């Protein structure tokens, strides 16, 4: 493998959503605080450290990725701040929360079956960043990018990044595709908007730095299931090749590198 690629084995990134009572959960994306506590403890006891995607990618680029797990929380639910962050701090972990600056303080209205849950507002986003968490974009309003016209695609990628940079006062390097749907056009928009990586869900033909796969973690994932998911992940997934992650490179250099070797 060439010097400008990273191979730290299969990239292990866990995908969470809401952390609250999972009793009313038609989409099976809610994990209780108690279950999250047990899952994080399982990682810690096995010598694993939960980190943000930004930190994971930097570590892999520098050859220090062994034992690191990317922890991600989609949709920017307010319960991330109240229920997940204290547990992450308990185990000295960090994580990435992907938020929706077009729905600040709103709800998950895109979930037709409900239940309605509050989303982070500007103060909550800033508080999450101050707590050591990476803030990434999930678009403006949770729109499927593969169905967006050019103007909407720009708003959802470039517009959301600009809004979040203004809120946090810092760089926003990561993007998470709503619904996990991604195509070449969406990837190009994300790259051109100045992001340096993007996450999806399952591996596919576009897997790479701008379509990193993740593993769904749910309420039913007890210690034995986590063990199996990690073991099967390592056996079934090839290492994700991607250009060496350069978090502080200028945006043009990042876009050029991504086009030359970022997506396989």
C-alpha atoms as a PDB file:
ATOM      1  CA  UNK A   1       0.000   0.000   0.000  1.00  0.00           C
ATOM      2  CA  UNK A   2       1.371   3.414  -0.960  1.00  0.00           C
ATOM      3  CA  UNK A   3       2.668   5.910   1.564  1.00  0.00           C
ATOM      4  CA  UNK A   4      -0.307   8.233   1.074  1.00  0.00           C
ATOM      5  CA  UNK A   5      -2.880   5.665   2.189  1.00  0.00           C
ATOM      6  CA  UNK A   6      -3.885   4.454   5.604  1.00  0.00           C
ATOM      7  CA  UNK A   7      -4.299   0.816   6.617  1.00  0.00           C
ATOM      8  CA  UNK A   8      -5.005   0.343  10.293  1.00  0.00           C
ATOM      9  CA  UNK A   9      -7.243  -2.646   9.734  1.00  0.00           C
ATOM     10  CA  UNK A  10     -11.004  -2.277   9.382  1.00  0.00           C
ATOM     11  CA  UNK A  11     -12.098   1.141  10.575  1.00  0.00           C
ATOM     12  CA  UNK A  12     -14.380   0.581  13.569  1.00  0.00           C
ATOM     13  CA  UNK A  13     -16.987   3.322  13.963  1.00  0.00           C
ATOM     14  CA  UNK A  14     -20.160   2.922  16.022  1.00  0.00           C
ATOM     15  CA  UNK A  15     -23.371   4.683  14.992  1.00  0.00           C
ATOM     16  CA  UNK A  16     -25.767   5.858  17.702  1.00  0.00           C
ATOM     17  CA  UNK A  17     -28.754   8.188  17.591  1.00  0.00           C
ATOM     18  CA  UNK A  18     -30.935   9.070  20.594  1.00  0.00           C
ATOM     19  CA  UNK A  19     -29.927   8.192  24.175  1.00  0.00           C
ATOM     20  CA  UNK A  20     -33.097   8.004  26.239  1.00  0.00           C
ATOM     21  CA  UNK A  21     -35.946   5.638  27.162  1.00  0.00           C
ATOM     22  CA  UNK A  22     -36.303   3.263  24.163  1.00  0.00           C
ATOM     23  CA  UNK A  23     -39.830   2.078  24.981  1.00  0.00           C
ATOM     24  CA  UNK A  24     -41.408   4.033  22.089  1.00  0.00           C
ATOM     25  CA  UNK A  25     -38.878   3.385  19.336  1.00  0.00           C
ATOM     26  CA  UNK A  26     -40.420   2.340  15.985  1.00  0.00           C
ATOM     27  CA  UNK A  27     -37.142   2.878  14.133  1.00  0.00           C
ATOM     28  CA  UNK A  28     -35.026   0.996  16.705  1.00  0.00           C
ATOM     29  CA  UNK A  29     -32.470   3.782  16.966  1.00  0.00           C
ATOM     30  CA  UNK A  30     -32.796   4.618  20.667  1.00  0.00           C
ATOM     31  CA  UNK A  31     -30.442   3.343  23.364  1.00  0.00           C
ATOM     32  CA  UNK A  32     -31.112   3.818  27.064  1.00  0.00           C
ATOM     33  CA  UNK A  33     -28.495   5.617  29.180  1.00  0.00           C
ATOM     34  CA  UNK A  34     -28.035   2.430  31.212  1.00  0.00           C
ATOM     35  CA  UNK A  35     -27.378   0.352  28.081  1.00  0.00           C
ATOM     36  CA  UNK A  36     -24.954   2.957  26.735  1.00  0.00           C
ATOM     37  CA  UNK A  37     -23.144   2.881  30.068  1.00  0.00           C
ATOM     38  CA  UNK A  38     -22.769  -0.897  29.799  1.00  0.00           C
ATOM     39  CA  UNK A  39     -21.584  -0.668  26.180  1.00  0.00           C
ATOM     40  CA  UNK A  40     -18.961   1.950  26.976  1.00  0.00           C
ATOM     41  CA  UNK A  41     -17.817  -0.103  29.966  1.00  0.00           C
ATOM     42  CA  UNK A  42     -17.472  -3.134  27.676  1.00  0.00           C
ATOM     43  CA  UNK A  43     -15.200  -1.115  25.396  1.00  0.00           C
ATOM     44  CA  UNK A  44     -13.102   0.182  28.270  1.00  0.00           C
ATOM     45  CA  UNK A  45     -12.620  -3.270  29.775  1.00  0.00           C
ATOM     46  CA  UNK A  46     -11.297  -4.543  26.459  1.00  0.00           C
ATOM     47  CA  UNK A  47      -8.741  -1.803  26.160  1.00  0.00           C
ATOM     48  CA  UNK A  48     -10.742   0.172  23.606  1.00  0.00           C
ATOM     49  CA  UNK A  49     -11.057   3.945  23.678  1.00  0.00           C
ATOM     50  CA  UNK A  50     -13.998   5.779  22.199  1.00  0.00           C
ATOM     51  CA  UNK A  51     -13.019   8.891  20.241  1.00  0.00           C
ATOM     52  CA  UNK A  52     -14.455  11.351  17.752  1.00  0.00           C
ATOM     53  CA  UNK A  53     -14.183  10.550  14.066  1.00  0.00           C
ATOM     54  CA  UNK A  54     -11.773  13.460  13.642  1.00  0.00           C
ATOM     55  CA  UNK A  55      -9.426  12.054  16.269  1.00  0.00           C
ATOM     56  CA  UNK A  56      -9.764   8.528  14.883  1.00  0.00           C
ATOM     57  CA  UNK A  57      -8.815   9.622  11.383  1.00  0.00           C
ATOM     58  CA  UNK A  58      -5.871  11.703  12.580  1.00  0.00           C
ATOM     59  CA  UNK A  59      -4.610   8.781  14.674  1.00  0.00           C
ATOM     60  CA  UNK A  60      -4.944   6.344  11.770  1.00  0.00           C
ATOM     61  CA  UNK A  61      -3.088   8.733   9.480  1.00  0.00           C
ATOM     62  CA  UNK A  62      -0.256   8.837  12.017  1.00  0.00           C
ATOM     63  CA  UNK A  63      -0.229   5.073  12.592  1.00  0.00           C
ATOM     64  CA  UNK A  64      -1.767   5.327  16.084  1.00  0.00           C
ATOM     65  CA  UNK A  65      -5.252   3.982  15.393  1.00  0.00           C
ATOM     66  CA  UNK A  66      -5.014   0.643  17.208  1.00  0.00           C
ATOM     67  CA  UNK A  67      -7.581   0.302  19.989  1.00  0.00           C
ATOM     68  CA  UNK A  68      -9.584   3.364  18.978  1.00  0.00           C
ATOM     69  CA  UNK A  69     -13.317   3.252  18.262  1.00  0.00           C
ATOM     70  CA  UNK A  70     -15.101   6.095  16.510  1.00  0.00           C
ATOM     71  CA  UNK A  71     -18.251   7.008  18.445  1.00  0.00           C
ATOM     72  CA  UNK A  72     -20.873   8.903  16.455  1.00  0.00           C
ATOM     73  CA  UNK A  73     -24.326  10.222  17.340  1.00  0.00           C
ATOM     74  CA  UNK A  74     -26.615  11.191  14.447  1.00  0.00           C
ATOM     75  CA  UNK A  75     -29.360  13.843  14.312  1.00  0.00           C
ATOM     76  CA  UNK A  76     -28.158  16.033  17.191  1.00  0.00           C
ATOM     77  CA  UNK A  77     -30.743  15.049  19.775  1.00  0.00           C
ATOM     78  CA  UNK A  78     -30.792  17.165  22.928  1.00  0.00           C
ATOM     79  CA  UNK A  79     -30.406  13.970  24.962  1.00  0.00           C
ATOM     80  CA  UNK A  80     -26.847  13.645  23.624  1.00  0.00           C
ATOM     81  CA  UNK A  81     -25.867  16.499  25.908  1.00  0.00           C
ATOM     82  CA  UNK A  82     -27.863  15.422  28.941  1.00  0.00           C
ATOM     83  CA  UNK A  83     -27.493  11.632  28.750  1.00  0.00           C
ATOM     84  CA  UNK A  84     -24.519  10.703  26.551  1.00  0.00           C
ATOM     85  CA  UNK A  85     -21.881  13.320  27.378  1.00  0.00           C
ATOM     86  CA  UNK A  86     -21.764  12.556  31.141  1.00  0.00           C
ATOM     87  CA  UNK A  87     -21.231   8.856  30.361  1.00  0.00           C
ATOM     88  CA  UNK A  88     -18.562   9.628  27.774  1.00  0.00           C
ATOM     89  CA  UNK A  89     -16.766  11.739  30.372  1.00  0.00           C
ATOM     90  CA  UNK A  90     -17.061   8.938  32.916  1.00  0.00           C
ATOM     91  CA  UNK A  91     -14.965   6.686  30.679  1.00  0.00           C
ATOM     92  CA  UNK A  92     -12.767   9.521  29.379  1.00  0.00           C
ATOM     93  CA  UNK A  93     -14.149   9.044  25.870  1.00  0.00           C
ATOM     94  CA  UNK A  94     -15.045  11.586  23.235  1.00  0.00           C
ATOM     95  CA  UNK A  95     -17.466  11.354  20.307  1.00  0.00           C
ATOM     96  CA  UNK A  96     -18.838  13.155  17.283  1.00  0.00           C
ATOM     97  CA  UNK A  97     -22.362  14.517  17.216  1.00  0.00           C
ATOM     98  CA  UNK A  98     -23.812  15.297  13.767  1.00  0.00           C
ATOM     99  CA  UNK A  99     -26.295  18.146  14.074  1.00  0.00           C
ATOM    100  CA  UNK A 100     -28.890  19.976  11.955  1.00  0.00           C
ATOM    101  CA  UNK A 101     -28.434  23.765  12.006  1.00  0.00           C
ATOM    102  CA  UNK A 102     -31.634  24.160   9.966  1.00  0.00           C
ATOM    103  CA  UNK A 103     -33.657  22.628  12.825  1.00  0.00           C
ATOM    104  CA  UNK A 104     -32.067  24.294  15.858  1.00  0.00           C
ATOM    105  CA  UNK A 105     -34.170  23.596  18.927  1.00  0.00           C
ATOM    106  CA  UNK A 106     -36.705  21.769  16.776  1.00  0.00           C
ATOM    107  CA  UNK A 107     -37.678  18.121  16.632  1.00  0.00           C
ATOM    108  CA  UNK A 108     -37.116  15.053  14.445  1.00  0.00           C
ATOM    109  CA  UNK A 109     -40.076  15.929  12.232  1.00  0.00           C
ATOM    110  CA  UNK A 110     -38.680  13.783   9.387  1.00  0.00           C
ATOM    111  CA  UNK A 111     -39.545  10.616  11.361  1.00  0.00           C
ATOM    112  CA  UNK A 112     -43.167  10.141  10.355  1.00  0.00           C
ATOM    113  CA  UNK A 113     -43.830   7.510  13.019  1.00  0.00           C
ATOM    114  CA  UNK A 114     -42.425   9.621  15.857  1.00  0.00           C
ATOM    115  CA  UNK A 115     -42.008  10.017  18.708  1.00  0.00           C
ATOM    116  CA  UNK A 116     -41.027  13.672  18.586  1.00  0.00           C
ATOM    117  CA  UNK A 117     -37.738  14.383  20.361  1.00  0.00           C
ATOM    118  CA  UNK A 118     -36.064  17.769  20.914  1.00  0.00           C
ATOM    119  CA  UNK A 119     -32.891  18.614  19.027  1.00  0.00           C
ATOM    120  CA  UNK A 120     -29.928  20.671  20.175  1.00  0.00           C
ATOM    121  CA  UNK A 121     -30.187  24.438  19.878  1.00  0.00           C
ATOM    122  CA  UNK A 122     -27.246  26.816  19.383  1.00  0.00           C
ATOM    123  CA  UNK A 123     -26.347  26.869  23.075  1.00  0.00           C
ATOM    124  CA  UNK A 124     -26.491  23.079  23.215  1.00  0.00           C
ATOM    125  CA  UNK A 125     -24.195  22.732  20.213  1.00  0.00           C
ATOM    126  CA  UNK A 126     -21.696  25.114  21.772  1.00  0.00           C
ATOM    127  CA  UNK A 127     -21.926  23.239  25.070  1.00  0.00           C
ATOM    128  CA  UNK A 128     -21.231  19.925  23.336  1.00  0.00           C
ATOM    129  CA  UNK A 129     -18.161  21.421  21.656  1.00  0.00           C
ATOM    130  CA  UNK A 130     -16.979  22.890  24.970  1.00  0.00           C
ATOM    131  CA  UNK A 131     -17.335  19.415  26.513  1.00  0.00           C
ATOM    132  CA  UNK A 132     -14.686  18.141  24.098  1.00  0.00           C
ATOM    133  CA  UNK A 133     -17.018  16.614  21.509  1.00  0.00           C
ATOM    134  CA  UNK A 134     -16.592  17.038  17.779  1.00  0.00           C
ATOM    135  CA  UNK A 135     -19.524  18.778  16.095  1.00  0.00           C
ATOM    136  CA  UNK A 136     -20.195  17.664  12.528  1.00  0.00           C
ATOM    137  CA  UNK A 137     -22.922  18.425  10.026  1.00  0.00           C
ATOM    138  CA  UNK A 138     -25.905  16.231   9.217  1.00  0.00           C
ATOM    139  CA  UNK A 139     -27.064  18.700   6.592  1.00  0.00           C
ATOM    140  CA  UNK A 140     -29.459  21.536   7.329  1.00  0.00           C
ATOM    141  CA  UNK A 141     -32.782  19.740   7.716  1.00  0.00           C
ATOM    142  CA  UNK A 142     -32.115  15.991   7.325  1.00  0.00           C
ATOM    143  CA  UNK A 143     -32.573  15.909   3.550  1.00  0.00           C
ATOM    144  CA  UNK A 144     -31.704  12.974   1.305  1.00  0.00           C
ATOM    145  CA  UNK A 145     -28.872  14.465  -0.748  1.00  0.00           C
ATOM    146  CA  UNK A 146     -29.363  12.025  -3.609  1.00  0.00           C
ATOM    147  CA  UNK A 147     -32.791  13.590  -4.261  1.00  0.00           C
ATOM    148  CA  UNK A 148     -31.812  17.259  -3.826  1.00  0.00           C
ATOM    149  CA  UNK A 149     -31.509  19.744  -6.694  1.00  0.00           C
ATOM    150  CA  UNK A 150     -28.303  21.769  -7.069  1.00  0.00           C
ATOM    151  CA  UNK A 151     -29.420  24.714  -4.936  1.00  0.00           C
ATOM    152  CA  UNK A 152     -30.689  22.508  -2.117  1.00  0.00           C
ATOM    153  CA  UNK A 153     -27.574  20.325  -2.302  1.00  0.00           C
ATOM    154  CA  UNK A 154     -25.399  23.410  -1.813  1.00  0.00           C
ATOM    155  CA  UNK A 155     -27.501  24.595   1.135  1.00  0.00           C
ATOM    156  CA  UNK A 156     -27.406  21.207   2.807  1.00  0.00           C
ATOM    157  CA  UNK A 157     -23.619  20.872   2.484  1.00  0.00           C
ATOM    158  CA  UNK A 158     -21.919  24.256   2.186  1.00  0.00           C
ATOM    159  CA  UNK A 159     -24.710  26.150   3.927  1.00  0.00           C
ATOM    160  CA  UNK A 160     -24.837  23.812   6.908  1.00  0.00           C
ATOM    161  CA  UNK A 161     -21.053  23.925   7.331  1.00  0.00           C
ATOM    162  CA  UNK A 162     -21.011  27.724   7.282  1.00  0.00           C
ATOM    163  CA  UNK A 163     -23.826  27.848   9.842  1.00  0.00           C
ATOM    164  CA  UNK A 164     -22.053  25.454  12.192  1.00  0.00           C
ATOM    165  CA  UNK A 165     -18.708  27.239  11.872  1.00  0.00           C
ATOM    166  CA  UNK A 166     -20.513  30.440  12.894  1.00  0.00           C
ATOM    167  CA  UNK A 167     -22.145  28.721  15.881  1.00  0.00           C
ATOM    168  CA  UNK A 168     -19.063  26.936  17.182  1.00  0.00           C
ATOM    169  CA  UNK A 169     -16.448  29.492  16.180  1.00  0.00           C
ATOM    170  CA  UNK A 170     -14.271  26.671  14.890  1.00  0.00           C
ATOM    171  CA  UNK A 171     -13.716  24.333  11.971  1.00  0.00           C
ATOM    172  CA  UNK A 172     -16.331  21.764  10.956  1.00  0.00           C
ATOM    173  CA  UNK A 173     -14.580  18.930   9.155  1.00  0.00           C
ATOM    174  CA  UNK A 174     -17.092  16.058   9.188  1.00  0.00           C
ATOM    175  CA  UNK A 175     -20.355  15.368   7.379  1.00  0.00           C
ATOM    176  CA  UNK A 176     -22.909  12.594   7.943  1.00  0.00           C
ATOM    177  CA  UNK A 177     -25.246  11.651   5.082  1.00  0.00           C
ATOM    178  CA  UNK A 178     -28.918  11.763   6.166  1.00  0.00           C
ATOM    179  CA  UNK A 179     -30.516   8.324   5.851  1.00  0.00           C
ATOM    180  CA  UNK A 180     -27.066   7.009   4.907  1.00  0.00           C
ATOM    181  CA  UNK A 181     -27.791   7.623   1.217  1.00  0.00           C
ATOM    182  CA  UNK A 182     -24.823   8.710  -0.883  1.00  0.00           C
ATOM    183  CA  UNK A 183     -23.874   8.905  -4.536  1.00  0.00           C
ATOM    184  CA  UNK A 184     -21.026  10.501  -6.513  1.00  0.00           C
ATOM    185  CA  UNK A 185     -22.884  13.801  -6.817  1.00  0.00           C
ATOM    186  CA  UNK A 186     -23.445  14.036  -3.059  1.00  0.00           C
ATOM    187  CA  UNK A 187     -19.826  13.118  -2.341  1.00  0.00           C
ATOM    188  CA  UNK A 188     -18.591  15.816  -4.718  1.00  0.00           C
ATOM    189  CA  UNK A 189     -20.796  18.414  -3.024  1.00  0.00           C
ATOM    190  CA  UNK A 190     -19.475  17.432   0.405  1.00  0.00           C
ATOM    191  CA  UNK A 191     -15.851  17.604  -0.766  1.00  0.00           C
ATOM    192  CA  UNK A 192     -16.370  20.946  -2.496  1.00  0.00           C
ATOM    193  CA  UNK A 193     -18.059  22.388   0.603  1.00  0.00           C
ATOM    194  CA  UNK A 194     -14.778  22.033   2.494  1.00  0.00           C
ATOM    195  CA  UNK A 195     -15.435  18.950   4.621  1.00  0.00           C
ATOM    196  CA  UNK A 196     -12.505  16.582   5.071  1.00  0.00           C
ATOM    197  CA  UNK A 197     -14.418  13.344   5.621  1.00  0.00           C
ATOM    198  CA  UNK A 198     -17.971  11.997   5.568  1.00  0.00           C
ATOM    199  CA  UNK A 199     -19.684   8.994   7.131  1.00  0.00           C
ATOM    200  CA  UNK A 200     -22.401   6.740   5.776  1.00  0.00           C
ATOM    201  CA  UNK A 201     -23.748   3.457   7.084  1.00  0.00           C
ATOM    202  CA  UNK A 202     -22.886   0.236   5.260  1.00  0.00           C
ATOM    203  CA  UNK A 203     -19.833  -0.293   3.062  1.00  0.00           C
ATOM    204  CA  UNK A 204     -20.517   0.012  -0.643  1.00  0.00           C
ATOM    205  CA  UNK A 205     -18.881   0.799  -3.967  1.00  0.00           C
ATOM    206  CA  UNK A 206     -18.169   4.373  -2.821  1.00  0.00           C
ATOM    207  CA  UNK A 207     -16.547   3.405   0.471  1.00  0.00           C
ATOM    208  CA  UNK A 208     -13.649   5.738   1.253  1.00  0.00           C
ATOM    209  CA  UNK A 209     -12.739   8.911   3.114  1.00  0.00           C
ATOM    210  CA  UNK A 210     -15.965  10.578   1.953  1.00  0.00           C
ATOM    211  CA  UNK A 211     -18.179   7.529   2.550  1.00  0.00           C
ATOM    212  CA  UNK A 212     -16.815   5.891   5.698  1.00  0.00           C
ATOM    213  CA  UNK A 213     -18.882   2.903   6.888  1.00  0.00           C
ATOM    214  CA  UNK A 214     -20.202   2.561  10.437  1.00  0.00           C
ATOM    215  CA  UNK A 215     -21.793  -0.183  12.532  1.00  0.00           C
ATOM    216  CA  UNK A 216     -25.248   0.418  14.019  1.00  0.00           C
ATOM    217  CA  UNK A 217     -25.363  -0.057  17.799  1.00  0.00           C
ATOM    218  CA  UNK A 218     -28.768  -0.487  19.394  1.00  0.00           C
ATOM    219  CA  UNK A 219     -30.565  -1.261  22.630  1.00  0.00           C
ATOM    220  CA  UNK A 220     -30.276  -5.016  22.094  1.00  0.00           C
ATOM    221  CA  UNK A 221     -26.500  -4.942  21.769  1.00  0.00           C
ATOM    222  CA  UNK A 222     -25.356  -6.596  24.968  1.00  0.00           C
ATOM    223  CA  UNK A 223     -21.749  -7.681  25.586  1.00  0.00           C
ATOM    224  CA  UNK A 224     -22.002 -10.931  23.543  1.00  0.00           C
ATOM    225  CA  UNK A 225     -23.562  -9.096  20.586  1.00  0.00           C
ATOM    226  CA  UNK A 226     -20.915  -6.375  20.720  1.00  0.00           C
ATOM    227  CA  UNK A 227     -18.208  -9.036  20.758  1.00  0.00           C
ATOM    228  CA  UNK A 228     -19.712 -10.716  17.691  1.00  0.00           C
ATOM    229  CA  UNK A 229     -20.242  -7.445  15.838  1.00  0.00           C
ATOM    230  CA  UNK A 230     -16.631  -6.463  16.362  1.00  0.00           C
ATOM    231  CA  UNK A 231     -15.321  -9.915  15.427  1.00  0.00           C
ATOM    232  CA  UNK A 232     -17.467 -10.182  12.298  1.00  0.00           C
ATOM    233  CA  UNK A 233     -16.652  -6.615  11.341  1.00  0.00           C
ATOM    234  CA  UNK A 234     -12.964  -7.471  11.339  1.00  0.00           C
ATOM    235  CA  UNK A 235     -13.487 -10.592   9.234  1.00  0.00           C
ATOM    236  CA  UNK A 236     -16.002  -9.319   6.700  1.00  0.00           C
ATOM    237  CA  UNK A 237     -14.686  -5.841   5.987  1.00  0.00           C
ATOM    238  CA  UNK A 238     -11.513  -5.035   4.160  1.00  0.00           C
ATOM    239  CA  UNK A 239      -9.459  -2.110   5.481  1.00  0.00           C
ATOM    240  CA  UNK A 240     -10.915   1.114   4.126  1.00  0.00           C
ATOM    241  CA  UNK A 241      -8.258   2.677   1.888  1.00  0.00           C
ATOM    242  CA  UNK A 242      -8.254   6.427   1.876  1.00  0.00           C
ATOM    243  CA  UNK A 243      -5.819   9.266   1.340  1.00  0.00           C
ATOM    244  CA  UNK A 244      -3.916  10.223   4.475  1.00  0.00           C
ATOM    245  CA  UNK A 245      -6.194  12.419   6.554  1.00  0.00           C
ATOM    246  CA  UNK A 246      -4.858  15.977   6.732  1.00  0.00           C
ATOM    247  CA  UNK A 247      -7.089  17.920   9.134  1.00  0.00           C
ATOM    248  CA  UNK A 248      -5.167  21.176   8.934  1.00  0.00           C
ATOM    249  CA  UNK A 249      -4.397  21.226   5.210  1.00  0.00           C
ATOM    250  CA  UNK A 250      -5.953  23.958   3.126  1.00  0.00           C
ATOM    251  CA  UNK A 251      -9.345  23.129   1.636  1.00  0.00           C
ATOM    252  CA  UNK A 252      -8.130  23.051  -1.975  1.00  0.00           C
ATOM    253  CA  UNK A 253      -5.390  20.530  -1.123  1.00  0.00           C
ATOM    254  CA  UNK A 254      -7.921  18.342   0.659  1.00  0.00           C
ATOM    255  CA  UNK A 255     -10.296  18.391  -2.329  1.00  0.00           C
ATOM    256  CA  UNK A 256      -7.474  17.549  -4.730  1.00  0.00           C
ATOM    257  CA  UNK A 257      -6.232  14.677  -2.559  1.00  0.00           C
ATOM    258  CA  UNK A 258      -9.750  13.302  -2.134  1.00  0.00           C
ATOM    259  CA  UNK A 259     -10.364  13.288  -5.891  1.00  0.00           C
ATOM    260  CA  UNK A 260      -7.066  11.557  -6.581  1.00  0.00           C
ATOM    261  CA  UNK A 261      -7.365   8.806  -3.988  1.00  0.00           C
ATOM    262  CA  UNK A 262     -10.144   9.434  -1.512  1.00  0.00           C
ATOM    263  CA  UNK A 263     -12.854   7.114  -2.801  1.00  0.00           C
ATOM    264  CA  UNK A 264     -12.433   3.611  -4.041  1.00  0.00           C
END
